[in-house]
Amino acid sequence: MAEQIMEQEQQELSAEQLSELLQIRRDKLTALREAGKDPFTITKFNVTG
């Protein structure tokens, strides 16, 4: 019983940490986009051979 409670508390803490991590990632992505560097744009180059 005690093990289940400890495991549940760890999962809840992990969810909070995950939420914080996702917010940090979103903030970094926003900063990149504002700097004109969107990592998700598709870039094509002409290949000459």
N, C-alpha and C. Protein backbone atom coordinates (compact mmCIF):
# COMPACT_ATOMS: atom_id res chain seq x y z
N MET A 1 0.83 -1.20 0.00
CA MET A 1 0.00 0.00 0.00
C MET A 1 0.87 1.26 0.00
N ALA A 2 1.88 1.27 0.86
CA ALA A 2 2.77 2.43 0.93
C ALA A 2 3.52 2.62 -0.39
N GLU A 3 3.88 1.51 -1.04
CA GLU A 3 4.59 1.60 -2.32
C GLU A 3 3.71 2.25 -3.38
N GLN A 4 2.43 1.94 -3.38
CA GLN A 4 1.51 2.52 -4.37
C GLN A 4 1.39 4.02 -4.16
N ILE A 5 1.34 4.45 -2.92
CA ILE A 5 1.23 5.89 -2.63
C ILE A 5 2.50 6.60 -3.08
N MET A 6 3.66 6.02 -2.78
CA MET A 6 4.93 6.63 -3.19
C MET A 6 5.02 6.71 -4.71
N GLU A 7 4.60 5.65 -5.39
CA GLU A 7 4.65 5.62 -6.84
C GLU A 7 3.71 6.67 -7.43
N GLN A 8 2.55 6.82 -6.84
CA GLN A 8 1.58 7.81 -7.33
C GLN A 8 2.12 9.22 -7.13
N GLU A 9 2.76 9.49 -6.02
CA GLU A 9 3.33 10.81 -5.77
C GLU A 9 4.44 11.11 -6.77
N GLN A 10 5.25 10.11 -7.11
CA GLN A 10 6.31 10.31 -8.08
C GLN A 10 5.73 10.60 -9.46
N GLN A 11 4.65 9.94 -9.82
CA GLN A 11 4.03 10.17 -11.12
C GLN A 11 3.46 11.59 -11.18
N GLU A 12 2.85 12.06 -10.11
CA GLU A 12 2.30 13.40 -10.11
C GLU A 12 3.42 14.43 -10.22
N LEU A 13 4.50 14.21 -9.52
CA LEU A 13 5.64 15.10 -9.59
C LEU A 13 6.20 15.11 -11.01
N SER A 14 6.25 13.96 -11.62
CA SER A 14 6.75 13.87 -12.98
C SER A 14 5.87 14.65 -13.93
N ALA A 15 4.58 14.63 -13.71
CA ALA A 15 3.65 15.37 -14.56
C ALA A 15 3.89 16.87 -14.42
N GLU A 16 4.15 17.32 -13.20
CA GLU A 16 4.44 18.74 -12.98
C GLU A 16 5.75 19.13 -13.66
N GLN A 17 6.75 18.28 -13.52
CA GLN A 17 8.03 18.56 -14.14
C GLN A 17 7.91 18.55 -15.66
N LEU A 18 7.11 17.65 -16.19
CA LEU A 18 6.90 17.58 -17.63
C LEU A 18 6.24 18.85 -18.12
N SER A 19 5.26 19.33 -17.40
CA SER A 19 4.57 20.55 -17.79
C SER A 19 5.55 21.73 -17.81
N GLU A 20 6.40 21.80 -16.80
CA GLU A 20 7.39 22.87 -16.74
C GLU A 20 8.38 22.76 -17.90
N LEU A 21 8.81 21.56 -18.20
CA LEU A 21 9.74 21.32 -19.30
C LEU A 21 9.12 21.73 -20.64
N LEU A 22 7.86 21.37 -20.84
CA LEU A 22 7.18 21.73 -22.09
C LEU A 22 7.06 23.25 -22.22
N GLN A 23 6.80 23.94 -21.12
CA GLN A 23 6.70 25.40 -21.16
C GLN A 23 8.05 26.02 -21.53
N ILE A 24 9.12 25.48 -20.98
CA ILE A 24 10.46 25.98 -21.29
C ILE A 24 10.75 25.77 -22.78
N ARG A 25 10.40 24.60 -23.31
CA ARG A 25 10.63 24.33 -24.73
C ARG A 25 9.83 25.27 -25.61
N ARG A 26 8.59 25.54 -25.22
CA ARG A 26 7.76 26.47 -26.02
C ARG A 26 8.35 27.87 -26.00
N ASP A 27 8.87 28.30 -24.84
CA ASP A 27 9.48 29.62 -24.74
C ASP A 27 10.72 29.71 -25.62
N LYS A 28 11.53 28.67 -25.63
CA LYS A 28 12.72 28.66 -26.47
C LYS A 28 12.35 28.69 -27.95
N LEU A 29 11.31 27.95 -28.34
CA LEU A 29 10.86 27.94 -29.72
C LEU A 29 10.36 29.33 -30.12
N THR A 30 9.64 29.97 -29.25
CA THR A 30 9.16 31.32 -29.52
C THR A 30 10.32 32.28 -29.71
N ALA A 31 11.34 32.16 -28.87
CA ALA A 31 12.51 33.03 -28.99
C ALA A 31 13.23 32.80 -30.31
N LEU A 32 13.35 31.54 -30.72
CA LEU A 32 13.98 31.24 -32.01
C LEU A 32 13.19 31.84 -33.16
N ARG A 33 11.88 31.69 -33.11
CA ARG A 33 11.05 32.22 -34.20
C ARG A 33 11.13 33.74 -34.26
N GLU A 34 11.18 34.39 -33.10
CA GLU A 34 11.30 35.85 -33.08
C GLU A 34 12.64 36.30 -33.65
N ALA A 35 13.66 35.46 -33.51
CA ALA A 35 14.98 35.77 -34.04
C ALA A 35 15.08 35.44 -35.53
N GLY A 36 13.99 34.93 -36.11
CA GLY A 36 13.97 34.62 -37.53
C GLY A 36 14.54 33.25 -37.86
N LYS A 37 14.64 32.38 -36.88
CA LYS A 37 15.20 31.05 -37.09
C LYS A 37 14.18 30.00 -36.69
N ASP A 38 13.27 29.72 -37.60
CA ASP A 38 12.25 28.71 -37.33
C ASP A 38 12.80 27.34 -37.69
N PRO A 39 12.96 26.46 -36.71
CA PRO A 39 13.56 25.15 -36.99
C PRO A 39 12.64 24.21 -37.77
N PHE A 40 11.41 24.58 -37.98
CA PHE A 40 10.47 23.69 -38.65
C PHE A 40 10.16 24.11 -40.09
N THR A 41 10.85 25.11 -40.60
CA THR A 41 10.63 25.49 -41.99
C THR A 41 11.32 24.49 -42.90
N ILE A 42 10.72 24.23 -44.02
CA ILE A 42 11.28 23.31 -44.99
C ILE A 42 12.18 24.08 -45.93
N THR A 43 13.43 23.71 -45.96
CA THR A 43 14.42 24.39 -46.79
C THR A 43 14.85 23.45 -47.90
N LYS A 44 14.84 23.96 -49.13
CA LYS A 44 15.26 23.15 -50.27
C LYS A 44 16.44 23.86 -50.94
N PHE A 45 17.37 23.05 -51.40
CA PHE A 45 18.52 23.56 -52.12
C PHE A 45 18.57 22.93 -53.50
N ASN A 46 18.97 23.69 -54.48
CA ASN A 46 19.15 23.15 -55.83
C ASN A 46 20.45 22.37 -55.87
N VAL A 47 20.38 21.16 -56.36
CA VAL A 47 21.56 20.32 -56.46
C VAL A 47 22.03 20.31 -57.89
N THR A 48 23.27 20.72 -58.10
CA THR A 48 23.83 20.68 -59.44
C THR A 48 24.89 19.59 -59.47
N GLY A 49 24.94 18.92 -60.54
CA GLY A 49 25.85 17.78 -60.56
C GLY A 49 26.52 17.64 -61.81
